N, C-alpha and C. Protein backbone atom coordinates (compact mmCIF):
# COMPACT_ATOMS: atom_id res chain seq x y z
N MET A 1 140.93 -139.10 -132.88
CA MET A 1 139.95 -138.21 -132.34
C MET A 1 140.59 -137.44 -131.18
N GLY A 2 140.43 -136.04 -131.12
CA GLY A 2 141.04 -135.19 -130.10
C GLY A 2 140.20 -135.14 -128.83
N ARG A 3 140.83 -134.71 -127.79
CA ARG A 3 140.13 -134.57 -126.51
C ARG A 3 139.34 -133.29 -126.50
N GLU A 4 138.14 -133.34 -126.06
CA GLU A 4 137.31 -132.16 -125.94
C GLU A 4 137.44 -131.60 -124.53
N SER A 5 137.45 -130.27 -124.44
CA SER A 5 137.56 -129.62 -123.15
C SER A 5 136.16 -129.31 -122.64
N HIS A 6 135.88 -129.73 -121.41
CA HIS A 6 134.56 -129.50 -120.84
C HIS A 6 134.58 -128.63 -119.59
N GLY A 7 135.68 -127.97 -119.30
CA GLY A 7 135.76 -127.18 -118.08
C GLY A 7 136.96 -126.25 -118.11
N PHE A 8 137.24 -125.69 -116.96
CA PHE A 8 138.37 -124.78 -116.82
C PHE A 8 139.59 -125.56 -116.33
N THR A 9 140.74 -125.14 -116.78
CA THR A 9 141.96 -125.73 -116.23
C THR A 9 142.26 -125.04 -114.91
N LEU A 10 143.10 -125.63 -114.13
CA LEU A 10 143.48 -125.06 -112.84
C LEU A 10 144.15 -123.70 -113.03
N ILE A 11 144.92 -123.54 -114.06
CA ILE A 11 145.60 -122.26 -114.33
C ILE A 11 144.57 -121.19 -114.68
N GLU A 12 143.61 -121.50 -115.51
CA GLU A 12 142.57 -120.53 -115.85
C GLU A 12 141.78 -120.12 -114.61
N LEU A 13 141.48 -121.06 -113.76
CA LEU A 13 140.75 -120.77 -112.54
C LEU A 13 141.58 -119.88 -111.61
N ALA A 14 142.87 -120.15 -111.48
CA ALA A 14 143.76 -119.36 -110.61
C ALA A 14 143.88 -117.93 -111.13
N ILE A 15 144.00 -117.76 -112.44
CA ILE A 15 144.09 -116.43 -113.03
C ILE A 15 142.79 -115.66 -112.81
N SER A 16 141.67 -116.30 -113.01
CA SER A 16 140.37 -115.64 -112.78
C SER A 16 140.23 -115.22 -111.31
N LEU A 17 140.63 -116.10 -110.39
CA LEU A 17 140.57 -115.78 -108.97
C LEU A 17 141.49 -114.61 -108.63
N ALA A 18 142.66 -114.54 -109.21
CA ALA A 18 143.59 -113.44 -108.97
C ALA A 18 143.00 -112.12 -109.47
N ILE A 19 142.38 -112.12 -110.61
CA ILE A 19 141.77 -110.90 -111.17
C ILE A 19 140.63 -110.43 -110.27
N VAL A 20 139.78 -111.33 -109.84
CA VAL A 20 138.66 -110.97 -108.97
C VAL A 20 139.19 -110.42 -107.64
N THR A 21 140.24 -111.01 -107.10
CA THR A 21 140.83 -110.54 -105.84
C THR A 21 141.38 -109.13 -105.99
N ILE A 22 142.10 -108.87 -107.06
CA ILE A 22 142.66 -107.54 -107.29
C ILE A 22 141.55 -106.51 -107.43
N LEU A 23 140.52 -106.81 -108.18
CA LEU A 23 139.39 -105.88 -108.34
C LEU A 23 138.68 -105.63 -107.01
N THR A 24 138.51 -106.67 -106.21
CA THR A 24 137.85 -106.52 -104.91
C THR A 24 138.67 -105.65 -103.97
N LEU A 25 139.96 -105.88 -103.91
CA LEU A 25 140.83 -105.08 -103.03
C LEU A 25 140.85 -103.61 -103.46
N THR A 26 140.88 -103.36 -104.75
CA THR A 26 140.85 -101.99 -105.26
C THR A 26 139.53 -101.31 -104.90
N ALA A 27 138.44 -102.01 -105.07
CA ALA A 27 137.13 -101.44 -104.73
C ALA A 27 137.02 -101.17 -103.23
N MET A 28 137.55 -102.06 -102.41
CA MET A 28 137.50 -101.86 -100.96
C MET A 28 138.32 -100.65 -100.53
N ALA A 29 139.49 -100.46 -101.13
CA ALA A 29 140.32 -99.30 -100.79
C ALA A 29 139.61 -98.01 -101.19
N PHE A 30 139.01 -97.97 -102.36
CA PHE A 30 138.27 -96.80 -102.80
C PHE A 30 137.08 -96.54 -101.89
N TYR A 31 136.35 -97.59 -101.53
CA TYR A 31 135.19 -97.47 -100.67
C TYR A 31 135.59 -96.92 -99.29
N SER A 32 136.67 -97.43 -98.73
CA SER A 32 137.16 -96.96 -97.42
C SER A 32 137.51 -95.49 -97.47
N SER A 33 138.14 -95.07 -98.55
CA SER A 33 138.49 -93.66 -98.72
C SER A 33 137.25 -92.79 -98.77
N GLN A 34 136.22 -93.24 -99.46
CA GLN A 34 134.98 -92.48 -99.56
C GLN A 34 134.26 -92.42 -98.21
N ILE A 35 134.32 -93.50 -97.46
CA ILE A 35 133.70 -93.52 -96.12
C ILE A 35 134.40 -92.50 -95.22
N ARG A 36 135.75 -92.49 -95.22
CA ARG A 36 136.50 -91.53 -94.40
C ARG A 36 136.18 -90.10 -94.82
N GLN A 37 136.07 -89.86 -96.11
CA GLN A 37 135.74 -88.51 -96.59
C GLN A 37 134.35 -88.10 -96.11
N GLY A 38 133.41 -89.01 -96.14
CA GLY A 38 132.07 -88.71 -95.65
C GLY A 38 132.06 -88.44 -94.16
N ARG A 39 132.88 -89.16 -93.42
CA ARG A 39 132.95 -88.96 -91.96
C ARG A 39 133.61 -87.64 -91.61
N ARG A 40 134.37 -87.07 -92.52
CA ARG A 40 135.03 -85.78 -92.28
C ARG A 40 133.99 -84.70 -91.99
N ILE A 41 132.79 -84.86 -92.50
CA ILE A 41 131.71 -83.90 -92.26
C ILE A 41 131.41 -83.81 -90.76
N ASP A 42 131.60 -84.91 -90.05
CA ASP A 42 131.42 -84.92 -88.60
C ASP A 42 132.32 -83.86 -87.96
N ALA A 43 133.54 -83.75 -88.43
CA ALA A 43 134.49 -82.77 -87.88
C ALA A 43 134.19 -81.35 -88.36
N THR A 44 133.94 -81.18 -89.64
CA THR A 44 133.73 -79.83 -90.15
C THR A 44 132.47 -79.21 -89.55
N ASP A 45 131.42 -80.01 -89.39
CA ASP A 45 130.20 -79.50 -88.74
C ASP A 45 130.49 -79.04 -87.32
N ALA A 46 131.19 -79.88 -86.56
CA ALA A 46 131.51 -79.53 -85.17
C ALA A 46 132.38 -78.28 -85.10
N LEU A 47 133.37 -78.18 -85.96
CA LEU A 47 134.25 -77.01 -85.94
C LEU A 47 133.48 -75.73 -86.26
N LEU A 48 132.61 -75.79 -87.24
CA LEU A 48 131.82 -74.60 -87.59
C LEU A 48 130.85 -74.22 -86.47
N GLU A 49 130.24 -75.22 -85.85
CA GLU A 49 129.32 -74.94 -84.75
C GLU A 49 130.06 -74.35 -83.55
N ILE A 50 131.24 -74.88 -83.24
CA ILE A 50 132.02 -74.34 -82.13
C ILE A 50 132.49 -72.93 -82.44
N SER A 51 132.84 -72.69 -83.70
CA SER A 51 133.25 -71.34 -84.09
C SER A 51 132.11 -70.35 -83.86
N LEU A 52 130.89 -70.73 -84.21
CA LEU A 52 129.73 -69.87 -83.95
C LEU A 52 129.51 -69.68 -82.45
N ALA A 53 129.70 -70.77 -81.69
CA ALA A 53 129.54 -70.67 -80.24
C ALA A 53 130.59 -69.73 -79.65
N GLU A 54 131.79 -69.74 -80.21
CA GLU A 54 132.85 -68.81 -79.76
C GLU A 54 132.43 -67.37 -80.00
N GLU A 55 131.86 -67.10 -81.15
CA GLU A 55 131.43 -65.74 -81.47
C GLU A 55 130.29 -65.29 -80.56
N ARG A 56 129.34 -66.20 -80.28
CA ARG A 56 128.27 -65.87 -79.34
C ARG A 56 128.84 -65.59 -77.95
N TYR A 57 129.78 -66.41 -77.53
CA TYR A 57 130.39 -66.24 -76.21
C TYR A 57 131.12 -64.89 -76.14
N ARG A 58 131.82 -64.54 -77.21
CA ARG A 58 132.61 -63.30 -77.23
C ARG A 58 131.73 -62.06 -77.17
N THR A 59 130.50 -62.15 -77.66
CA THR A 59 129.62 -60.97 -77.60
C THR A 59 129.25 -60.60 -76.17
N GLN A 60 129.38 -61.55 -75.25
CA GLN A 60 129.00 -61.30 -73.86
C GLN A 60 130.20 -61.29 -72.90
N ASN A 61 131.40 -61.51 -73.42
CA ASN A 61 132.60 -61.58 -72.58
C ASN A 61 133.74 -60.80 -73.22
N THR A 62 134.79 -60.59 -72.48
CA THR A 62 135.92 -59.82 -73.00
C THR A 62 136.93 -60.69 -73.73
N THR A 63 136.68 -61.99 -73.78
CA THR A 63 137.59 -62.90 -74.44
C THR A 63 136.80 -64.04 -75.07
N TYR A 64 137.45 -64.82 -75.91
CA TYR A 64 136.83 -66.04 -76.42
C TYR A 64 136.87 -67.09 -75.31
N GLY A 65 136.14 -68.18 -75.47
CA GLY A 65 136.01 -69.15 -74.39
C GLY A 65 136.76 -70.45 -74.62
N THR A 66 136.88 -71.19 -73.54
CA THR A 66 137.45 -72.53 -73.59
C THR A 66 136.38 -73.51 -74.05
N LEU A 67 136.77 -74.74 -74.26
CA LEU A 67 135.80 -75.76 -74.67
C LEU A 67 134.73 -75.94 -73.59
N ALA A 68 135.11 -75.86 -72.34
CA ALA A 68 134.15 -76.00 -71.25
C ALA A 68 133.15 -74.84 -71.26
N GLN A 69 133.60 -73.66 -71.63
CA GLN A 69 132.74 -72.48 -71.60
C GLN A 69 131.80 -72.40 -72.79
N VAL A 70 132.24 -72.82 -73.95
CA VAL A 70 131.41 -72.65 -75.16
C VAL A 70 130.77 -73.94 -75.66
N TRP A 71 131.24 -75.09 -75.21
CA TRP A 71 130.76 -76.35 -75.77
C TRP A 71 130.47 -77.38 -74.68
N ASN A 72 130.17 -76.92 -73.50
CA ASN A 72 129.85 -77.79 -72.37
C ASN A 72 130.90 -78.88 -72.14
N ASN A 73 132.14 -78.58 -72.51
CA ASN A 73 133.27 -79.48 -72.32
C ASN A 73 133.11 -80.83 -73.02
N VAL A 74 132.30 -80.89 -74.07
CA VAL A 74 132.17 -82.10 -74.88
C VAL A 74 133.44 -82.20 -75.72
N THR A 75 134.13 -83.33 -75.63
CA THR A 75 135.45 -83.42 -76.27
C THR A 75 135.48 -84.31 -77.50
N THR A 76 134.32 -84.79 -77.95
CA THR A 76 134.28 -85.57 -79.19
C THR A 76 133.16 -85.05 -80.08
N THR A 77 133.29 -85.33 -81.36
CA THR A 77 132.25 -84.95 -82.31
C THR A 77 131.02 -85.83 -82.10
N THR A 78 129.92 -85.47 -82.71
CA THR A 78 128.66 -86.18 -82.54
C THR A 78 128.79 -87.68 -82.80
N ASP A 79 129.45 -88.04 -83.89
CA ASP A 79 129.58 -89.46 -84.24
C ASP A 79 130.82 -90.10 -83.65
N GLY A 80 131.66 -89.32 -82.97
CA GLY A 80 132.82 -89.86 -82.27
C GLY A 80 134.04 -90.15 -83.12
N TYR A 81 134.09 -89.63 -84.34
CA TYR A 81 135.23 -89.90 -85.21
C TYR A 81 136.40 -88.93 -84.96
N TYR A 82 136.16 -87.89 -84.16
CA TYR A 82 137.18 -86.87 -83.89
C TYR A 82 137.13 -86.45 -82.43
N THR A 83 138.29 -86.06 -81.89
CA THR A 83 138.33 -85.41 -80.59
C THR A 83 138.46 -83.92 -80.84
N LEU A 84 137.92 -83.13 -79.93
CA LEU A 84 137.87 -81.67 -80.09
C LEU A 84 138.70 -80.99 -79.02
N SER A 85 139.31 -79.86 -79.40
CA SER A 85 140.02 -79.03 -78.42
C SER A 85 140.03 -77.59 -78.91
N ILE A 86 140.19 -76.67 -77.96
CA ILE A 86 140.33 -75.25 -78.27
C ILE A 86 141.62 -74.78 -77.64
N SER A 87 142.42 -74.05 -78.41
CA SER A 87 143.68 -73.52 -77.89
C SER A 87 143.86 -72.08 -78.35
N ASN A 88 144.94 -71.46 -77.92
CA ASN A 88 145.28 -70.09 -78.30
C ASN A 88 144.13 -69.11 -78.04
N VAL A 89 143.44 -69.28 -76.91
CA VAL A 89 142.30 -68.44 -76.58
C VAL A 89 142.78 -67.11 -76.01
N THR A 90 142.40 -66.02 -76.69
CA THR A 90 142.69 -64.67 -76.22
C THR A 90 141.45 -63.81 -76.45
N SER A 91 141.59 -62.53 -76.28
CA SER A 91 140.45 -61.65 -76.54
C SER A 91 140.22 -61.44 -78.03
N THR A 92 141.20 -61.82 -78.87
CA THR A 92 141.07 -61.60 -80.32
C THR A 92 141.28 -62.86 -81.16
N SER A 93 141.53 -64.00 -80.51
CA SER A 93 141.81 -65.20 -81.31
C SER A 93 141.49 -66.49 -80.57
N TYR A 94 141.35 -67.54 -81.37
CA TYR A 94 141.19 -68.91 -80.84
C TYR A 94 141.48 -69.88 -81.97
N THR A 95 141.79 -71.11 -81.62
CA THR A 95 141.98 -72.18 -82.59
C THR A 95 141.19 -73.39 -82.11
N VAL A 96 140.31 -73.90 -82.98
CA VAL A 96 139.54 -75.10 -82.67
C VAL A 96 140.10 -76.22 -83.53
N THR A 97 140.39 -77.36 -82.89
CA THR A 97 141.02 -78.48 -83.57
C THR A 97 140.18 -79.74 -83.43
N ALA A 98 140.04 -80.47 -84.54
CA ALA A 98 139.40 -81.78 -84.55
C ALA A 98 140.45 -82.78 -85.01
N THR A 99 140.79 -83.72 -84.13
CA THR A 99 141.81 -84.73 -84.43
C THR A 99 141.12 -86.07 -84.64
N ALA A 100 141.41 -86.71 -85.77
CA ALA A 100 140.76 -87.97 -86.12
C ALA A 100 141.13 -89.09 -85.15
N VAL A 101 140.18 -90.00 -84.95
CA VAL A 101 140.36 -91.14 -84.07
C VAL A 101 140.27 -92.42 -84.89
N GLY A 102 141.08 -93.41 -84.57
CA GLY A 102 141.02 -94.72 -85.23
C GLY A 102 141.35 -94.64 -86.71
N ASP A 103 140.62 -95.40 -87.51
CA ASP A 103 140.86 -95.45 -88.95
C ASP A 103 140.66 -94.11 -89.62
N GLN A 104 139.87 -93.23 -89.00
CA GLN A 104 139.64 -91.90 -89.57
C GLN A 104 140.95 -91.13 -89.69
N ALA A 105 141.97 -91.50 -88.91
CA ALA A 105 143.27 -90.84 -88.98
C ALA A 105 143.94 -91.04 -90.34
N ASN A 106 143.45 -91.98 -91.14
CA ASN A 106 143.99 -92.23 -92.48
C ASN A 106 143.32 -91.35 -93.54
N ASP A 107 142.43 -90.48 -93.13
CA ASP A 107 141.70 -89.62 -94.07
C ASP A 107 142.66 -88.67 -94.77
N ALA A 108 142.52 -88.58 -96.08
CA ALA A 108 143.36 -87.69 -96.88
C ALA A 108 142.59 -87.23 -98.11
N ASN A 109 143.00 -86.10 -98.63
CA ASN A 109 142.50 -85.60 -99.90
C ASN A 109 143.71 -85.55 -100.82
N GLY A 110 143.84 -86.56 -101.66
CA GLY A 110 145.05 -86.67 -102.47
C GLY A 110 146.23 -86.96 -101.56
N SER A 111 147.25 -86.13 -101.63
CA SER A 111 148.44 -86.32 -100.79
C SER A 111 148.38 -85.50 -99.50
N THR A 112 147.27 -84.80 -99.26
CA THR A 112 147.13 -83.96 -98.07
C THR A 112 146.40 -84.72 -96.98
N SER A 113 147.05 -84.90 -95.83
CA SER A 113 146.41 -85.54 -94.68
C SER A 113 145.33 -84.60 -94.14
N CYS A 114 144.18 -85.16 -93.83
CA CYS A 114 143.06 -84.35 -93.34
C CYS A 114 142.89 -84.46 -91.84
N THR A 115 143.95 -84.70 -91.14
CA THR A 115 143.89 -84.67 -89.68
C THR A 115 145.17 -84.08 -89.15
N PRO A 116 145.09 -83.14 -88.26
CA PRO A 116 143.87 -82.58 -87.71
C PRO A 116 143.26 -81.54 -88.65
N LEU A 117 141.97 -81.28 -88.45
CA LEU A 117 141.28 -80.19 -89.11
C LEU A 117 141.19 -79.04 -88.11
N GLN A 118 141.36 -77.81 -88.60
CA GLN A 118 141.33 -76.67 -87.69
C GLN A 118 140.60 -75.48 -88.28
N ILE A 119 140.02 -74.69 -87.36
CA ILE A 119 139.55 -73.34 -87.67
C ILE A 119 140.29 -72.43 -86.69
N ALA A 120 140.99 -71.47 -87.25
CA ALA A 120 141.69 -70.49 -86.42
C ALA A 120 141.14 -69.11 -86.74
N ALA A 121 140.77 -68.39 -85.70
CA ALA A 121 140.29 -67.02 -85.85
C ALA A 121 141.28 -66.09 -85.17
N SER A 122 141.65 -65.04 -85.88
CA SER A 122 142.59 -64.07 -85.32
C SER A 122 142.25 -62.69 -85.88
N ASN A 123 141.86 -61.79 -85.00
CA ASN A 123 141.55 -60.42 -85.38
C ASN A 123 140.54 -60.35 -86.53
N GLY A 124 139.52 -61.20 -86.47
CA GLY A 124 138.46 -61.16 -87.47
C GLY A 124 138.72 -61.98 -88.71
N THR A 125 139.89 -62.58 -88.84
CA THR A 125 140.22 -63.41 -90.00
C THR A 125 140.12 -64.88 -89.60
N VAL A 126 139.36 -65.64 -90.36
CA VAL A 126 139.19 -67.07 -90.07
C VAL A 126 139.94 -67.87 -91.12
N THR A 127 140.73 -68.84 -90.64
CA THR A 127 141.51 -69.72 -91.52
C THR A 127 141.11 -71.16 -91.24
N LYS A 128 140.82 -71.90 -92.31
CA LYS A 128 140.47 -73.31 -92.20
C LYS A 128 141.62 -74.12 -92.79
N THR A 129 142.18 -75.03 -91.99
CA THR A 129 143.30 -75.85 -92.47
C THR A 129 143.05 -77.33 -92.16
N PRO A 130 143.66 -78.19 -92.97
CA PRO A 130 144.23 -77.93 -94.28
C PRO A 130 143.14 -77.58 -95.29
N ALA A 131 143.40 -76.60 -96.09
CA ALA A 131 142.41 -76.05 -97.00
C ALA A 131 141.84 -77.10 -97.96
N ALA A 132 142.67 -78.04 -98.39
CA ALA A 132 142.23 -79.06 -99.35
C ALA A 132 141.17 -80.00 -98.77
N CYS A 133 141.06 -80.02 -97.46
CA CYS A 133 140.15 -80.95 -96.80
C CYS A 133 138.80 -80.35 -96.46
N TRP A 134 138.63 -79.06 -96.70
CA TRP A 134 137.36 -78.39 -96.44
C TRP A 134 136.58 -78.30 -97.72
N SER A 135 135.30 -78.74 -97.70
CA SER A 135 134.48 -78.62 -98.92
C SER A 135 134.18 -77.16 -99.18
N THR A 136 134.01 -76.87 -100.42
CA THR A 136 133.73 -75.49 -100.81
C THR A 136 132.25 -75.26 -100.95
């Protein structure tokens, strides 16, 4: 009479545990990427709002403004995932930059790093970089 099997062997259990671990780690990496992508909206919203504030400021002044002049010197986005700065301020141009903080610095769209995000205006032309990181 042969032995009947009533359970899992240690090898079967180890293989099952390895498969579950691999699936869990893959799901966590995908989830983290989606969270960072969602948080990117924090930066794009702030950049667009500051860009509008720059245009409002320019209608009343001979030049574009600094962060203190157009944004009450607030240096982080609403949710705090990015720091904000304005550079290259002239009468015809400015650059607004959002630099990711903490884990958000790992944000990418494919092989394109999404930090820093920028809006640059020059002589009426607005450029958003990196282009792959801005939703259409």
